């Protein structure tokens, strides 16, 4: 086949035009596919970053929860210690009260004895 410039061509001009058009469409398709690949790659990277951030926040939350439990256990142990100390101090107070009453009774007996001794003289 001869074209407009009288050059020898293997393909018909219509087939050559369709081939050129198909080539351009294929290039556009490949370019769009590459662009899509870039977008998908960016999206995957973003999702990975978000997953890492979520995992980090999850670990922080677990740590905070464990710390809170630990503090609660410490307070409970401290409360038990204080309750034991209160009970011990109450027992000591009761002993001191009984000792005081006993000493008051002894003092009263001794004062009575002194009074009787003074009156007998």
C-alpha atoms as a PDB file:
ATOM      1  CA  UNK A   1       0.000   0.000   0.000  1.00  0.00           C
ATOM      2  CA  UNK A   2       1.063   3.526  -0.720  1.00  0.00           C
ATOM      3  CA  UNK A   3       0.223   6.433   1.588  1.00  0.00           C
ATOM      4  CA  UNK A   4      -0.511  10.094   0.750  1.00  0.00           C
ATOM      5  CA  UNK A   5       3.186  10.812   0.293  1.00  0.00           C
ATOM      6  CA  UNK A   6       3.532   7.827  -1.985  1.00  0.00           C
ATOM      7  CA  UNK A   7       5.601   5.876   0.504  1.00  0.00           C
ATOM      8  CA  UNK A   8       5.329   2.145   0.621  1.00  0.00           C
ATOM      9  CA  UNK A   9       3.495   0.843   3.675  1.00  0.00           C
ATOM     10  CA  UNK A  10       2.990  -2.733   4.909  1.00  0.00           C
ATOM     11  CA  UNK A  11      -0.309  -1.991   6.635  1.00  0.00           C
ATOM     12  CA  UNK A  12      -3.339  -0.285   5.301  1.00  0.00           C
ATOM     13  CA  UNK A  13      -3.596   3.336   6.444  1.00  0.00           C
ATOM     14  CA  UNK A  14      -6.776   2.612   8.390  1.00  0.00           C
ATOM     15  CA  UNK A  15      -5.175  -0.344  10.207  1.00  0.00           C
ATOM     16  CA  UNK A  16      -2.033   1.731  10.863  1.00  0.00           C
ATOM     17  CA  UNK A  17      -4.191   4.530  12.315  1.00  0.00           C
ATOM     18  CA  UNK A  18      -6.062   2.051  14.509  1.00  0.00           C
ATOM     19  CA  UNK A  19      -2.741   0.557  15.644  1.00  0.00           C
ATOM     20  CA  UNK A  20      -1.406   4.025  16.496  1.00  0.00           C
ATOM     21  CA  UNK A  21      -4.616   4.835  18.340  1.00  0.00           C
ATOM     22  CA  UNK A  22      -4.437   1.518  20.233  1.00  0.00           C
ATOM     23  CA  UNK A  23      -0.794   2.250  21.101  1.00  0.00           C
ATOM     24  CA  UNK A  24      -1.815   5.661  22.539  1.00  0.00           C
ATOM     25  CA  UNK A  25      -4.689   4.112  24.461  1.00  0.00           C
ATOM     26  CA  UNK A  26      -2.313   1.467  25.842  1.00  0.00           C
ATOM     27  CA  UNK A  27       0.168   4.157  26.916  1.00  0.00           C
ATOM     28  CA  UNK A  28      -2.660   6.078  28.605  1.00  0.00           C
ATOM     29  CA  UNK A  29      -3.819   2.855  30.280  1.00  0.00           C
ATOM     30  CA  UNK A  30      -0.288   2.063  31.484  1.00  0.00           C
ATOM     31  CA  UNK A  31       0.105   5.643  32.767  1.00  0.00           C
ATOM     32  CA  UNK A  32      -3.210   5.439  34.611  1.00  0.00           C
ATOM     33  CA  UNK A  33      -2.262   2.030  36.006  1.00  0.00           C
ATOM     34  CA  UNK A  34       1.052   3.471  37.252  1.00  0.00           C
ATOM     35  CA  UNK A  35      -0.803   6.402  38.808  1.00  0.00           C
ATOM     36  CA  UNK A  36      -3.253   4.000  40.450  1.00  0.00           C
ATOM     37  CA  UNK A  37      -0.306   1.961  41.747  1.00  0.00           C
ATOM     38  CA  UNK A  38       1.194   5.120  43.303  1.00  0.00           C
ATOM     39  CA  UNK A  39      -2.133   6.033  44.911  1.00  0.00           C
ATOM     40  CA  UNK A  40      -2.618   2.506  46.255  1.00  0.00           C
ATOM     41  CA  UNK A  41       0.976   2.489  47.555  1.00  0.00           C
ATOM     42  CA  UNK A  42       0.332   5.781  49.378  1.00  0.00           C
ATOM     43  CA  UNK A  43      -2.902   4.426  50.780  1.00  0.00           C
ATOM     44  CA  UNK A  44      -1.204   1.263  52.026  1.00  0.00           C
ATOM     45  CA  UNK A  45       1.527   3.344  53.649  1.00  0.00           C
ATOM     46  CA  UNK A  46      -1.070   5.559  55.322  1.00  0.00           C
ATOM     47  CA  UNK A  47      -3.021   2.542  56.586  1.00  0.00           C
ATOM     48  CA  UNK A  48       0.209   1.045  57.964  1.00  0.00           C
ATOM     49  CA  UNK A  49       0.972   4.286  59.799  1.00  0.00           C
ATOM     50  CA  UNK A  50      -2.537   4.398  61.217  1.00  0.00           C
ATOM     51  CA  UNK A  51      -2.246   0.760  62.313  1.00  0.00           C
ATOM     52  CA  UNK A  52       1.043   1.520  64.073  1.00  0.00           C
ATOM     53  CA  UNK A  53      -0.495   4.562  65.769  1.00  0.00           C
ATOM     54  CA  UNK A  54      -3.526   2.534  66.846  1.00  0.00           C
ATOM     55  CA  UNK A  55      -1.274  -0.217  68.219  1.00  0.00           C
ATOM     56  CA  UNK A  56       0.770   2.386  70.090  1.00  0.00           C
ATOM     57  CA  UNK A  57      -2.370   3.906  71.615  1.00  0.00           C
ATOM     58  CA  UNK A  58      -3.628   0.441  72.495  1.00  0.00           C
ATOM     59  CA  UNK A  59      -0.380  -0.327  74.326  1.00  0.00           C
ATOM     60  CA  UNK A  60      -0.597   3.009  76.163  1.00  0.00           C
ATOM     61  CA  UNK A  61      -4.168   2.217  77.211  1.00  0.00           C
ATOM     62  CA  UNK A  62      -3.158  -1.241  78.435  1.00  0.00           C
ATOM     63  CA  UNK A  63      -0.260   0.296  80.378  1.00  0.00           C
ATOM     64  CA  UNK A  64      -2.544   2.910  81.916  1.00  0.00           C
ATOM     65  CA  UNK A  65      -5.090   0.245  82.870  1.00  0.00           C
ATOM     66  CA  UNK A  66      -2.384  -1.899  84.472  1.00  0.00           C
ATOM     67  CA  UNK A  67      -1.036   1.129  86.336  1.00  0.00           C
ATOM     68  CA  UNK A  68      -4.530   1.933  87.581  1.00  0.00           C
ATOM     69  CA  UNK A  69      -4.985  -1.649  88.808  1.00  0.00           C
ATOM     70  CA  UNK A  70      -1.599  -1.497  90.496  1.00  0.00           C
ATOM     71  CA  UNK A  71      -2.479   1.768  92.228  1.00  0.00           C
ATOM     72  CA  UNK A  72      -5.825   0.314  93.340  1.00  0.00           C
ATOM     73  CA  UNK A  73      -4.057  -2.736  94.812  1.00  0.00           C
ATOM     74  CA  UNK A  74      -1.535  -0.498  96.562  1.00  0.00           C
ATOM     75  CA  UNK A  75      -4.313   1.592  98.065  1.00  0.00           C
ATOM     76  CA  UNK A  76      -6.141  -1.528  99.176  1.00  0.00           C
ATOM     77  CA  UNK A  77      -2.969  -2.855 100.835  1.00  0.00           C
ATOM     78  CA  UNK A  78      -2.354   0.533 102.441  1.00  0.00           C
ATOM     79  CA  UNK A  79      -5.949   0.621 103.702  1.00  0.00           C
ATOM     80  CA  UNK A  80      -5.531  -2.835 105.244  1.00  0.00           C
ATOM     81  CA  UNK A  81      -2.315  -1.715 106.931  1.00  0.00           C
ATOM     82  CA  UNK A  82      -4.030   1.362 108.302  1.00  0.00           C
ATOM     83  CA  UNK A  83      -6.982  -0.728 109.522  1.00  0.00           C
ATOM     84  CA  UNK A  84      -4.552  -3.066 111.315  1.00  0.00           C
ATOM     85  CA  UNK A  85      -2.773  -0.056 112.834  1.00  0.00           C
ATOM     86  CA  UNK A  86      -6.107   1.388 113.977  1.00  0.00           C
ATOM     87  CA  UNK A  87      -7.056  -1.921 115.600  1.00  0.00           C
ATOM     88  CA  UNK A  88      -3.651  -2.088 117.309  1.00  0.00           C
ATOM     89  CA  UNK A  89      -3.973   1.497 118.572  1.00  0.00           C
ATOM     90  CA  UNK A  90      -7.519   0.788 119.835  1.00  0.00           C
ATOM     91  CA  UNK A  91      -6.218  -2.210 121.784  1.00  0.00           C
ATOM     92  CA  UNK A  92      -3.393  -0.079 123.173  1.00  0.00           C
ATOM     93  CA  UNK A  93      -5.900   2.641 124.119  1.00  0.00           C
ATOM     94  CA  UNK A  94      -8.058   0.059 125.894  1.00  0.00           C
ATOM     95  CA  UNK A  95      -4.994  -1.214 127.826  1.00  0.00           C
ATOM     96  CA  UNK A  96      -4.069   2.352 128.781  1.00  0.00           C
ATOM     97  CA  UNK A  97      -7.661   3.065 129.848  1.00  0.00           C
ATOM     98  CA  UNK A  98      -7.724  -0.045 132.069  1.00  0.00           C
ATOM     99  CA  UNK A  99      -4.293   0.835 133.463  1.00  0.00           C
ATOM    100  CA  UNK A 100      -5.480   4.402 134.122  1.00  0.00           C
ATOM    101  CA  UNK A 101      -8.603   3.169 135.917  1.00  0.00           C
ATOM    102  CA  UNK A 102      -6.473   0.779 137.960  1.00  0.00           C
ATOM    103  CA  UNK A 103      -4.043   3.563 138.875  1.00  0.00           C
ATOM    104  CA  UNK A 104      -6.936   5.859 139.764  1.00  0.00           C
ATOM    105  CA  UNK A 105      -8.332   3.157 142.053  1.00  0.00           C
ATOM    106  CA  UNK A 106      -4.893   2.617 143.629  1.00  0.00           C
ATOM    107  CA  UNK A 107      -4.546   6.392 144.104  1.00  0.00           C
ATOM    108  CA  UNK A 108      -7.971   6.574 145.690  1.00  0.00           C
ATOM    109  CA  UNK A 109      -7.077   3.647 147.997  1.00  0.00           C
ATOM    110  CA  UNK A 110      -3.785   5.267 148.943  1.00  0.00           C
ATOM    111  CA  UNK A 111      -5.456   8.645 149.548  1.00  0.00           C
ATOM    112  CA  UNK A 112      -8.031   6.914 151.734  1.00  0.00           C
ATOM    113  CA  UNK A 113      -5.261   5.113 153.603  1.00  0.00           C
ATOM    114  CA  UNK A 114      -3.397   8.413 154.091  1.00  0.00           C
ATOM    115  CA  UNK A 115      -6.576  10.111 155.294  1.00  0.00           C
ATOM    116  CA  UNK A 116      -7.242   7.297 157.758  1.00  0.00           C
ATOM    117  CA  UNK A 117      -3.652   7.368 158.893  1.00  0.00           C
ATOM    118  CA  UNK A 118      -3.790  11.152 159.444  1.00  0.00           C
ATOM    119  CA  UNK A 119      -7.104  10.925 161.331  1.00  0.00           C
ATOM    120  CA  UNK A 120      -5.744   8.200 163.602  1.00  0.00           C
ATOM    121  CA  UNK A 121      -2.916  10.386 164.796  1.00  0.00           C
END
